[in-house]
Amino acid sequence: MNNYHDEVKRVLVVVLLFNILMASVKIAFGYYSGILSISADGYDSFLDSIANVIALAAVYLSSRPIDKNHPYGYNKIENFASLFVAGLLLFVGYEVVTQAIDKILNPQPVEISSIAFVVMIFTLIVNIAVSRYEKHKGEQLKSDLLIADSNHTKSDVMVTSIVIIALVLMYFDLSIIDPVISIIITLIILKTAIDIFRTNFRILLDANILDADRIKDLICDVDGVIDVHNIRTRGTSSCVYVDMHMVVDSDLSMKQAHKIAEYCEDRITDSIEEVKEVLIHLESEEGLSDAIEL
């Protein structure tokens, strides 16, 4: 598990450095040029940096070992951090809308230079690379936090693309497009925040992580197993706990039933890497039962 947290931290540090660079470039140029949509994009990248710092703290805390009061560990700290990231997205959305409305009510001419296009195309390329890198590592490590953060970075790609389109329109004296595009950016940010809230609330509320049929298919053909039911899974994408009821042949002794249960547990954990623990409640065809934790 330590390797997992070390890998997640390395990815977050890389993403953090790029986000700081992109935020600095866009905010500075947006302020210098007076183009609100570029500044809004920069603020979004700056909040990405803050979210990365929070995420690093969350990963550090979630890497703490299991203790008496936390028998399932601290993995869900990542999900709480993801909710905080979503909250930051809502905040920046509010700030951008406020500035956009002010610019609509008090319009000012904006001069578009070729440097603006160079800056935004450069940041677009970097955002695409960072988003793909973080998503790939998140799926590889099965990290809910990295996946959530990569979705935010992916939204940055959309935002920057829209800003570039806005620059083209503003170049032809359509200055009103700047605050309008800024509001569109806010809608994209809001959509990303809602998706992050939905995904992580499901995990925090212990919604099933794995498809029950996937587990059932692994063990129903084992000799001595009559039926499997009440399959439940909980945890995070990288750390899943499974419990189920298993009906075994009534002619089996407790020792034989125990061996079958151990075999099934090994089969599940070997086939599904993210499963860390299995609890099987053994039942005989005659209704006798005994709970065995493996």
C-alpha atoms as a PDB file:
ATOM      1  CA  MET A   1       0.000   0.000   0.000  1.00  0.00           C
ATOM      2  CA  ASN A   2       2.952   2.314   0.645  1.00  0.00           C
ATOM      3  CA  ASN A   3       4.011   1.979  -3.006  1.00  0.00           C
ATOM      4  CA  TYR A   4       0.497   3.010  -4.038  1.00  0.00           C
ATOM      5  CA  HIS A   5       0.576   6.185  -1.954  1.00  0.00           C
ATOM      6  CA  ASP A   6       4.129   7.014  -3.070  1.00  0.00           C
ATOM      7  CA  GLU A   7       3.075   6.697  -6.719  1.00  0.00           C
ATOM      8  CA  VAL A   8       0.004   8.895  -6.189  1.00  0.00           C
ATOM      9  CA  LYS A   9       2.146  11.532  -4.467  1.00  0.00           C
ATOM     10  CA  ARG A  10       4.668  11.537  -7.313  1.00  0.00           C
ATOM     11  CA  VAL A  11       1.906  12.070  -9.869  1.00  0.00           C
ATOM     12  CA  LEU A  12       0.378  14.894  -7.827  1.00  0.00           C
ATOM     13  CA  VAL A  13       3.730  16.676  -7.486  1.00  0.00           C
ATOM     14  CA  VAL A  14       4.266  16.571 -11.259  1.00  0.00           C
ATOM     15  CA  VAL A  15       0.740  17.869 -11.913  1.00  0.00           C
ATOM     16  CA  LEU A  16       1.144  20.541  -9.219  1.00  0.00           C
ATOM     17  CA  LEU A  17       4.287  21.964 -10.833  1.00  0.00           C
ATOM     18  CA  PHE A  18       2.625  22.193 -14.239  1.00  0.00           C
ATOM     19  CA  ASN A  19      -0.531  23.753 -12.770  1.00  0.00           C
ATOM     20  CA  ILE A  20       1.500  26.436 -10.993  1.00  0.00           C
ATOM     21  CA  LEU A  21       3.310  27.217 -14.244  1.00  0.00           C
ATOM     22  CA  MET A  22       0.092  27.385 -16.295  1.00  0.00           C
ATOM     23  CA  ALA A  23      -1.746  29.449 -13.681  1.00  0.00           C
ATOM     24  CA  SER A  24       1.090  31.969 -13.454  1.00  0.00           C
ATOM     25  CA  VAL A  25       1.281  32.393 -17.224  1.00  0.00           C
ATOM     26  CA  LYS A  26      -2.481  32.799 -17.752  1.00  0.00           C
ATOM     27  CA  ILE A  27      -3.198  35.055 -14.771  1.00  0.00           C
ATOM     28  CA  ALA A  28      -0.260  37.327 -15.567  1.00  0.00           C
ATOM     29  CA  PHE A  29      -1.148  37.614 -19.239  1.00  0.00           C
ATOM     30  CA  GLY A  30      -4.876  37.951 -18.537  1.00  0.00           C
ATOM     31  CA  TYR A  31      -4.193  40.819 -16.142  1.00  0.00           C
ATOM     32  CA  TYR A  32      -1.769  42.470 -18.562  1.00  0.00           C
ATOM     33  CA  SER A  33      -4.116  42.196 -21.561  1.00  0.00           C
ATOM     34  CA  GLY A  34      -7.385  42.827 -19.717  1.00  0.00           C
ATOM     35  CA  ILE A  35      -8.968  39.659 -21.179  1.00  0.00           C
ATOM     36  CA  LEU A  36     -11.275  38.215 -18.499  1.00  0.00           C
ATOM     37  CA  SER A  37     -11.644  34.782 -20.086  1.00  0.00           C
ATOM     38  CA  ILE A  38      -7.868  34.226 -19.932  1.00  0.00           C
ATOM     39  CA  SER A  39      -7.789  35.374 -16.306  1.00  0.00           C
ATOM     40  CA  ALA A  40     -10.707  33.046 -15.509  1.00  0.00           C
ATOM     41  CA  ASP A  41      -8.811  30.165 -17.067  1.00  0.00           C
ATOM     42  CA  GLY A  42      -5.788  31.141 -14.986  1.00  0.00           C
ATOM     43  CA  TYR A  43      -7.780  31.231 -11.750  1.00  0.00           C
ATOM     44  CA  ASP A  44      -9.094  27.784 -12.567  1.00  0.00           C
ATOM     45  CA  SER A  45      -5.525  26.516 -12.985  1.00  0.00           C
ATOM     46  CA  PHE A  46      -4.500  28.233  -9.745  1.00  0.00           C
ATOM     47  CA  LEU A  47      -7.279  26.421  -7.886  1.00  0.00           C
ATOM     48  CA  ASP A  48      -5.997  23.235  -9.480  1.00  0.00           C
ATOM     49  CA  SER A  49      -2.710  23.937  -7.721  1.00  0.00           C
ATOM     50  CA  ILE A  50      -4.443  24.427  -4.371  1.00  0.00           C
ATOM     51  CA  ALA A  51      -6.412  21.233  -4.954  1.00  0.00           C
ATOM     52  CA  ASN A  52      -3.151  19.384  -5.661  1.00  0.00           C
ATOM     53  CA  VAL A  53      -1.666  20.564  -2.362  1.00  0.00           C
ATOM     54  CA  ILE A  54      -4.799  19.445  -0.505  1.00  0.00           C
ATOM     55  CA  ALA A  55      -4.689  16.137  -2.349  1.00  0.00           C
ATOM     56  CA  LEU A  56      -1.065  15.576  -1.329  1.00  0.00           C
ATOM     57  CA  ALA A  57      -2.024  16.144   2.311  1.00  0.00           C
ATOM     58  CA  ALA A  58      -4.951  13.740   1.903  1.00  0.00           C
ATOM     59  CA  VAL A  59      -2.756  11.024   0.399  1.00  0.00           C
ATOM     60  CA  TYR A  60      -0.267  11.426   3.255  1.00  0.00           C
ATOM     61  CA  LEU A  61      -3.052  11.007   5.830  1.00  0.00           C
ATOM     62  CA  SER A  62      -4.719   8.117   3.990  1.00  0.00           C
ATOM     63  CA  SER A  63      -1.412   6.197   3.923  1.00  0.00           C
ATOM     64  CA  ARG A  64      -1.513   5.801   7.696  1.00  0.00           C
ATOM     65  CA  PRO A  65      -1.716   2.126   8.729  1.00  0.00           C
ATOM     66  CA  ILE A  66      -4.871   0.457  10.021  1.00  0.00           C
ATOM     67  CA  ASP A  67      -5.417   0.903  13.753  1.00  0.00           C
ATOM     68  CA  LYS A  68      -7.894  -0.189  16.421  1.00  0.00           C
ATOM     69  CA  ASN A  69     -10.294   2.689  15.814  1.00  0.00           C
ATOM     70  CA  HIS A  70      -9.985   2.566  12.021  1.00  0.00           C
ATOM     71  CA  PRO A  71     -10.024  -1.124  11.026  1.00  0.00           C
ATOM     72  CA  TYR A  72     -10.661  -0.244   7.377  1.00  0.00           C
ATOM     73  CA  GLY A  73      -7.835   2.283   7.228  1.00  0.00           C
ATOM     74  CA  TYR A  74      -7.893   5.910   6.086  1.00  0.00           C
ATOM     75  CA  ASN A  75      -8.370   5.456   2.331  1.00  0.00           C
ATOM     76  CA  LYS A  76     -11.603   7.459   2.185  1.00  0.00           C
ATOM     77  CA  ILE A  77      -9.736  10.623   3.143  1.00  0.00           C
ATOM     78  CA  GLU A  78      -9.022  10.787  -0.604  1.00  0.00           C
ATOM     79  CA  ASN A  79     -12.752  10.973  -1.284  1.00  0.00           C
ATOM     80  CA  PHE A  80     -13.273  13.753   1.257  1.00  0.00           C
ATOM     81  CA  ALA A  81     -10.439  15.640  -0.440  1.00  0.00           C
ATOM     82  CA  SER A  82     -12.146  15.108  -3.801  1.00  0.00           C
ATOM     83  CA  LEU A  83     -15.293  16.745  -2.407  1.00  0.00           C
ATOM     84  CA  PHE A  84     -13.181  19.706  -1.311  1.00  0.00           C
ATOM     85  CA  VAL A  85     -11.828  19.969  -4.857  1.00  0.00           C
ATOM     86  CA  ALA A  86     -15.427  20.114  -6.096  1.00  0.00           C
ATOM     87  CA  GLY A  87     -16.170  22.856  -3.572  1.00  0.00           C
ATOM     88  CA  LEU A  88     -13.254  24.905  -4.887  1.00  0.00           C
ATOM     89  CA  LEU A  89     -14.635  24.532  -8.399  1.00  0.00           C
ATOM     90  CA  LEU A  90     -17.960  25.977  -7.277  1.00  0.00           C
ATOM     91  CA  PHE A  91     -16.156  28.907  -5.653  1.00  0.00           C
ATOM     92  CA  VAL A  92     -14.163  29.808  -8.756  1.00  0.00           C
ATOM     93  CA  GLY A  93     -17.343  29.512 -10.821  1.00  0.00           C
ATOM     94  CA  TYR A  94     -19.003  32.127  -8.636  1.00  0.00           C
ATOM     95  CA  GLU A  95     -16.021  34.474  -8.953  1.00  0.00           C
ATOM     96  CA  VAL A  96     -15.923  34.208 -12.740  1.00  0.00           C
ATOM     97  CA  VAL A  97     -19.669  34.825 -13.133  1.00  0.00           C
ATOM     98  CA  THR A  98     -19.447  37.908 -10.905  1.00  0.00           C
ATOM     99  CA  GLN A  99     -16.668  39.396 -13.040  1.00  0.00           C
ATOM    100  CA  ALA A 100     -18.431  38.444 -16.278  1.00  0.00           C
ATOM    101  CA  ILE A 101     -21.659  40.205 -15.266  1.00  0.00           C
ATOM    102  CA  ASP A 102     -19.679  43.307 -14.333  1.00  0.00           C
ATOM    103  CA  LYS A 103     -17.987  43.275 -17.734  1.00  0.00           C
ATOM    104  CA  ILE A 104     -21.341  42.931 -19.532  1.00  0.00           C
ATOM    105  CA  LEU A 105     -22.751  45.894 -17.609  1.00  0.00           C
ATOM    106  CA  ASN A 106     -19.569  47.935 -18.026  1.00  0.00           C
ATOM    107  CA  PRO A 107     -18.063  46.909 -21.400  1.00  0.00           C
ATOM    108  CA  GLN A 108     -14.530  47.957 -22.276  1.00  0.00           C
ATOM    109  CA  PRO A 109     -12.627  47.513 -25.560  1.00  0.00           C
ATOM    110  CA  VAL A 110     -10.057  44.713 -25.595  1.00  0.00           C
ATOM    111  CA  GLU A 111      -7.020  44.572 -27.874  1.00  0.00           C
ATOM    112  CA  ILE A 112      -6.076  41.083 -29.059  1.00  0.00           C
ATOM    113  CA  SER A 113      -2.446  40.429 -29.989  1.00  0.00           C
ATOM    114  CA  SER A 114      -0.760  37.424 -31.572  1.00  0.00           C
ATOM    115  CA  ILE A 115       0.961  36.771 -28.236  1.00  0.00           C
ATOM    116  CA  ALA A 116      -2.431  35.908 -26.727  1.00  0.00           C
ATOM    117  CA  PHE A 117      -2.870  33.100 -29.250  1.00  0.00           C
ATOM    118  CA  VAL A 118       0.650  31.779 -28.632  1.00  0.00           C
ATOM    119  CA  VAL A 119       0.126  31.763 -24.855  1.00  0.00           C
ATOM    120  CA  MET A 120      -3.220  29.955 -25.008  1.00  0.00           C
ATOM    121  CA  ILE A 121      -2.149  27.361 -27.590  1.00  0.00           C
ATOM    122  CA  PHE A 122       0.932  26.592 -25.491  1.00  0.00           C
ATOM    123  CA  THR A 123      -1.149  26.140 -22.326  1.00  0.00           C
ATOM    124  CA  LEU A 124      -3.667  24.010 -24.251  1.00  0.00           C
ATOM    125  CA  ILE A 125      -0.961  21.567 -25.328  1.00  0.00           C
ATOM    126  CA  VAL A 126       0.380  21.342 -21.773  1.00  0.00           C
ATOM    127  CA  ASN A 127      -3.130  20.826 -20.333  1.00  0.00           C
ATOM    128  CA  ILE A 128      -3.846  17.976 -22.753  1.00  0.00           C
ATOM    129  CA  ALA A 129      -0.585  16.242 -21.854  1.00  0.00           C
ATOM    130  CA  VAL A 130      -1.111  16.660 -18.091  1.00  0.00           C
ATOM    131  CA  SER A 131      -4.738  15.504 -18.245  1.00  0.00           C
ATOM    132  CA  ARG A 132      -3.886  12.337 -20.163  1.00  0.00           C
ATOM    133  CA  TYR A 133      -0.942  11.574 -17.893  1.00  0.00           C
ATOM    134  CA  GLU A 134      -2.970  11.997 -14.694  1.00  0.00           C
ATOM    135  CA  LYS A 135      -5.944  10.004 -15.994  1.00  0.00           C
ATOM    136  CA  HIS A 136      -3.670   7.170 -17.125  1.00  0.00           C
ATOM    137  CA  LYS A 137      -1.943   7.005 -13.738  1.00  0.00           C
ATOM    138  CA  GLY A 138      -5.269   7.285 -11.904  1.00  0.00           C
ATOM    139  CA  GLU A 139      -6.735   4.314 -13.789  1.00  0.00           C
ATOM    140  CA  GLN A 140      -3.499   2.364 -13.434  1.00  0.00           C
ATOM    141  CA  LEU A 141      -3.348   2.948  -9.665  1.00  0.00           C
ATOM    142  CA  LYS A 142      -7.156   2.889  -9.243  1.00  0.00           C
ATOM    143  CA  SER A 143      -6.974   6.200  -7.391  1.00  0.00           C
ATOM    144  CA  ASP A 144     -10.322   8.003  -7.041  1.00  0.00           C
ATOM    145  CA  LEU A 145      -8.460  11.191  -6.175  1.00  0.00           C
ATOM    146  CA  LEU A 146      -6.269  11.176  -9.289  1.00  0.00           C
ATOM    147  CA  ILE A 147      -9.233  10.352 -11.516  1.00  0.00           C
ATOM    148  CA  ALA A 148     -11.276  13.187  -9.987  1.00  0.00           C
ATOM    149  CA  ASP A 149      -8.383  15.606 -10.411  1.00  0.00           C
ATOM    150  CA  SER A 150      -7.780  14.464 -13.997  1.00  0.00           C
ATOM    151  CA  ASN A 151     -11.427  15.235 -14.800  1.00  0.00           C
ATOM    152  CA  HIS A 152     -10.821  18.757 -13.542  1.00  0.00           C
ATOM    153  CA  THR A 153      -7.682  19.010 -15.660  1.00  0.00           C
ATOM    154  CA  LYS A 154      -9.687  17.684 -18.613  1.00  0.00           C
ATOM    155  CA  SER A 155     -12.174  20.494 -18.095  1.00  0.00           C
ATOM    156  CA  ASP A 156      -9.217  22.894 -18.323  1.00  0.00           C
ATOM    157  CA  VAL A 157      -8.612  21.608 -21.854  1.00  0.00           C
ATOM    158  CA  MET A 158     -12.208  22.460 -22.783  1.00  0.00           C
ATOM    159  CA  VAL A 159     -11.955  25.848 -21.097  1.00  0.00           C
ATOM    160  CA  THR A 160      -8.722  26.778 -22.853  1.00  0.00           C
ATOM    161  CA  SER A 161     -10.135  25.654 -26.211  1.00  0.00           C
ATOM    162  CA  ILE A 162     -13.178  27.876 -25.719  1.00  0.00           C
ATOM    163  CA  VAL A 163     -10.947  30.799 -24.753  1.00  0.00           C
ATOM    164  CA  ILE A 164      -8.966  30.396 -27.980  1.00  0.00           C
ATOM    165  CA  ILE A 165     -12.220  30.496 -29.976  1.00  0.00           C
ATOM    166  CA  ALA A 166     -13.215  33.601 -28.019  1.00  0.00           C
ATOM    167  CA  LEU A 167      -9.905  35.263 -28.889  1.00  0.00           C
ATOM    168  CA  VAL A 168     -10.602  34.718 -32.583  1.00  0.00           C
ATOM    169  CA  LEU A 169     -14.041  36.334 -32.249  1.00  0.00           C
ATOM    170  CA  MET A 170     -12.693  39.221 -30.164  1.00  0.00           C
ATOM    171  CA  TYR A 171     -10.032  39.793 -32.799  1.00  0.00           C
ATOM    172  CA  PHE A 172     -12.921  40.755 -35.090  1.00  0.00           C
ATOM    173  CA  ASP A 173     -14.238  43.289 -32.541  1.00  0.00           C
ATOM    174  CA  LEU A 174     -16.808  41.025 -30.849  1.00  0.00           C
ATOM    175  CA  SER A 175     -15.697  42.129 -27.364  1.00  0.00           C
ATOM    176  CA  ILE A 176     -18.995  41.050 -25.747  1.00  0.00           C
ATOM    177  CA  ILE A 177     -17.908  37.466 -26.347  1.00  0.00           C
ATOM    178  CA  ASP A 178     -15.332  37.692 -23.513  1.00  0.00           C
ATOM    179  CA  PRO A 179     -17.821  37.773 -20.584  1.00  0.00           C
ATOM    180  CA  VAL A 180     -20.166  35.389 -22.431  1.00  0.00           C
ATOM    181  CA  ILE A 181     -17.378  32.836 -22.830  1.00  0.00           C
ATOM    182  CA  SER A 182     -16.464  33.337 -19.175  1.00  0.00           C
ATOM    183  CA  ILE A 183     -20.011  32.314 -18.192  1.00  0.00           C
ATOM    184  CA  ILE A 184     -19.765  29.239 -20.445  1.00  0.00           C
ATOM    185  CA  ILE A 185     -16.520  28.372 -18.647  1.00  0.00           C
ATOM    186  CA  THR A 186     -18.427  28.554 -15.374  1.00  0.00           C
ATOM    187  CA  LEU A 187     -21.025  26.063 -16.647  1.00  0.00           C
ATOM    188  CA  ILE A 188     -18.248  23.627 -17.567  1.00  0.00           C
ATOM    189  CA  ILE A 189     -16.697  24.041 -14.122  1.00  0.00           C
ATOM    190  CA  LEU A 190     -20.095  23.424 -12.510  1.00  0.00           C
ATOM    191  CA  LYS A 191     -20.607  20.222 -14.533  1.00  0.00           C
ATOM    192  CA  THR A 192     -17.191  18.939 -13.430  1.00  0.00           C
ATOM    193  CA  ALA A 193     -17.955  19.734  -9.771  1.00  0.00           C
ATOM    194  CA  ILE A 194     -21.288  17.880  -9.911  1.00  0.00           C
ATOM    195  CA  ASP A 195     -19.631  14.797 -11.445  1.00  0.00           C
ATOM    196  CA  ILE A 196     -16.990  14.755  -8.702  1.00  0.00           C
ATOM    197  CA  PHE A 197     -19.639  15.158  -5.986  1.00  0.00           C
ATOM    198  CA  ARG A 198     -21.731  12.321  -7.427  1.00  0.00           C
ATOM    199  CA  THR A 199     -18.850   9.839  -7.758  1.00  0.00           C
ATOM    200  CA  ASN A 200     -17.381  10.424  -4.311  1.00  0.00           C
ATOM    201  CA  PHE A 201     -20.690  10.596  -2.445  1.00  0.00           C
ATOM    202  CA  ARG A 202     -21.451   7.098  -3.769  1.00  0.00           C
ATOM    203  CA  ILE A 203     -18.207   5.808  -2.297  1.00  0.00           C
ATOM    204  CA  LEU A 204     -18.649   7.603   1.042  1.00  0.00           C
ATOM    205  CA  LEU A 205     -22.195   6.221   1.302  1.00  0.00           C
ATOM    206  CA  ASP A 206     -20.833   2.690   0.734  1.00  0.00           C
ATOM    207  CA  ALA A 207     -22.522   2.072  -2.606  1.00  0.00           C
ATOM    208  CA  ASN A 208     -21.446  -1.217  -4.210  1.00  0.00           C
ATOM    209  CA  ILE A 209     -18.027  -0.864  -5.814  1.00  0.00           C
ATOM    210  CA  LEU A 210     -17.992  -4.104  -7.812  1.00  0.00           C
ATOM    211  CA  ASP A 211     -20.624  -5.931  -9.833  1.00  0.00           C
ATOM    212  CA  ALA A 212     -21.927  -8.851  -7.739  1.00  0.00           C
ATOM    213  CA  ASP A 213     -22.143 -11.081 -10.825  1.00  0.00           C
ATOM    214  CA  ARG A 214     -18.421 -10.627 -11.402  1.00  0.00           C
ATOM    215  CA  ILE A 215     -17.693 -12.142  -7.989  1.00  0.00           C
ATOM    216  CA  LYS A 216     -20.391 -14.794  -8.296  1.00  0.00           C
ATOM    217  CA  ASP A 217     -18.981 -16.033 -11.608  1.00  0.00           C
ATOM    218  CA  LEU A 218     -15.593 -16.589  -9.965  1.00  0.00           C
ATOM    219  CA  ILE A 219     -16.775 -19.026  -7.298  1.00  0.00           C
ATOM    220  CA  CYS A 220     -20.088 -20.601  -8.339  1.00  0.00           C
ATOM    221  CA  ASP A 221     -18.301 -23.354 -10.273  1.00  0.00           C
ATOM    222  CA  VAL A 222     -16.183 -24.389  -7.258  1.00  0.00           C
ATOM    223  CA  ASP A 223     -16.888 -27.960  -6.108  1.00  0.00           C
ATOM    224  CA  GLY A 224     -19.021 -27.969  -2.967  1.00  0.00           C
ATOM    225  CA  VAL A 225     -20.484 -24.502  -3.536  1.00  0.00           C
ATOM    226  CA  ILE A 226     -24.265 -24.678  -4.050  1.00  0.00           C
ATOM    227  CA  ASP A 227     -25.120 -20.988  -4.141  1.00  0.00           C
ATOM    228  CA  VAL A 228     -23.761 -17.516  -3.417  1.00  0.00           C
ATOM    229  CA  HIS A 229     -25.993 -14.606  -2.422  1.00  0.00           C
ATOM    230  CA  ASN A 230     -26.099 -11.318  -0.475  1.00  0.00           C
ATOM    231  CA  ILE A 231     -22.859 -10.199  -2.121  1.00  0.00           C
ATOM    232  CA  ARG A 232     -21.842  -6.753  -0.892  1.00  0.00           C
ATOM    233  CA  THR A 233     -18.809  -4.651  -1.722  1.00  0.00           C
ATOM    234  CA  ARG A 234     -17.628  -1.416  -0.162  1.00  0.00           C
ATOM    235  CA  GLY A 235     -14.527   0.762   0.072  1.00  0.00           C
ATOM    236  CA  THR A 236     -12.725   2.717  -2.637  1.00  0.00           C
ATOM    237  CA  SER A 237     -11.684   1.857  -6.177  1.00  0.00           C
ATOM    238  CA  SER A 238      -8.233   0.788  -4.966  1.00  0.00           C
ATOM    239  CA  CYS A 239      -9.273  -0.926  -1.707  1.00  0.00           C
ATOM    240  CA  VAL A 240     -12.442  -3.046  -1.778  1.00  0.00           C
ATOM    241  CA  TYR A 241     -13.955  -5.153   1.010  1.00  0.00           C
ATOM    242  CA  VAL A 242     -16.313  -8.007   0.112  1.00  0.00           C
ATOM    243  CA  ASP A 243     -18.784  -9.975   2.198  1.00  0.00           C
ATOM    244  CA  MET A 244     -21.252 -12.639   1.080  1.00  0.00           C
ATOM    245  CA  HIS A 245     -23.316 -15.669   2.055  1.00  0.00           C
ATOM    246  CA  MET A 246     -22.199 -18.988   0.587  1.00  0.00           C
ATOM    247  CA  VAL A 247     -24.305 -22.178   0.651  1.00  0.00           C
ATOM    248  CA  VAL A 248     -22.211 -25.361   0.667  1.00  0.00           C
ATOM    249  CA  ASP A 249     -22.985 -29.056   0.420  1.00  0.00           C
ATOM    250  CA  SER A 250     -24.485 -30.250   3.724  1.00  0.00           C
ATOM    251  CA  ASP A 251     -22.361 -33.406   3.607  1.00  0.00           C
ATOM    252  CA  LEU A 252     -19.188 -31.381   4.042  1.00  0.00           C
ATOM    253  CA  SER A 253     -17.484 -31.107   7.411  1.00  0.00           C
ATOM    254  CA  MET A 254     -16.705 -27.704   8.890  1.00  0.00           C
ATOM    255  CA  LYS A 255     -13.031 -28.212   8.044  1.00  0.00           C
ATOM    256  CA  GLN A 256     -13.860 -28.984   4.409  1.00  0.00           C
ATOM    257  CA  ALA A 257     -16.229 -26.024   4.190  1.00  0.00           C
ATOM    258  CA  HIS A 258     -13.539 -23.782   5.665  1.00  0.00           C
ATOM    259  CA  LYS A 259     -11.022 -24.920   3.032  1.00  0.00           C
ATOM    260  CA  ILE A 260     -13.527 -24.212   0.261  1.00  0.00           C
ATOM    261  CA  ALA A 261     -14.120 -20.745   1.689  1.00  0.00           C
ATOM    262  CA  GLU A 262     -10.362 -20.091   1.839  1.00  0.00           C
ATOM    263  CA  TYR A 263      -9.998 -21.221  -1.752  1.00  0.00           C
ATOM    264  CA  CYS A 264     -12.817 -18.910  -2.848  1.00  0.00           C
ATOM    265  CA  GLU A 265     -11.249 -16.007  -0.977  1.00  0.00           C
ATOM    266  CA  ASP A 266      -7.903 -16.596  -2.709  1.00  0.00           C
ATOM    267  CA  ARG A 267      -9.623 -16.885  -6.065  1.00  0.00           C
ATOM    268  CA  ILE A 268     -11.375 -13.559  -5.604  1.00  0.00           C
ATOM    269  CA  THR A 269      -8.300 -11.652  -4.365  1.00  0.00           C
ATOM    270  CA  ASP A 270      -6.083 -13.163  -7.084  1.00  0.00           C
ATOM    271  CA  SER A 271      -8.561 -12.284  -9.836  1.00  0.00           C
ATOM    272  CA  ILE A 272      -9.536  -8.818  -8.590  1.00  0.00           C
ATOM    273  CA  GLU A 273      -6.458  -6.909  -7.447  1.00  0.00           C
ATOM    274  CA  GLU A 274      -8.341  -4.160  -5.618  1.00  0.00           C
ATOM    275  CA  VAL A 275     -10.100  -6.613  -3.261  1.00  0.00           C
ATOM    276  CA  LYS A 276      -8.230  -6.556   0.063  1.00  0.00           C
ATOM    277  CA  GLU A 277     -10.448  -8.665   2.320  1.00  0.00           C
ATOM    278  CA  VAL A 278     -13.328 -11.146   2.010  1.00  0.00           C
ATOM    279  CA  LEU A 279     -15.825 -12.159   4.693  1.00  0.00           C
ATOM    280  CA  ILE A 280     -17.795 -15.334   3.910  1.00  0.00           C
ATOM    281  CA  HIS A 281     -20.832 -16.443   5.905  1.00  0.00           C
ATOM    282  CA  LEU A 282     -21.101 -20.197   5.373  1.00  0.00           C
ATOM    283  CA  GLU A 283     -24.501 -21.844   5.175  1.00  0.00           C
ATOM    284  CA  SER A 284     -25.371 -25.503   4.661  1.00  0.00           C
ATOM    285  CA  GLU A 285     -28.263 -26.704   2.554  1.00  0.00           C
ATOM    286  CA  GLU A 286     -30.022 -27.684   5.785  1.00  0.00           C
ATOM    287  CA  GLY A 287     -29.861 -24.139   7.108  1.00  0.00           C
ATOM    288  CA  LEU A 288     -26.914 -24.570   9.515  1.00  0.00           C
ATOM    289  CA  SER A 289     -24.524 -21.657   9.319  1.00  0.00           C
ATOM    290  CA  ASP A 290     -21.331 -20.331  10.748  1.00  0.00           C
ATOM    291  CA  ALA A 291     -19.555 -17.047  10.095  1.00  0.00           C
ATOM    292  CA  ILE A 292     -15.940 -17.317   9.108  1.00  0.00           C
ATOM    293  CA  GLU A 293     -13.728 -14.285   8.519  1.00  0.00           C
ATOM    294  CA  LEU A 294     -10.825 -14.945   6.226  1.00  0.00           C
END
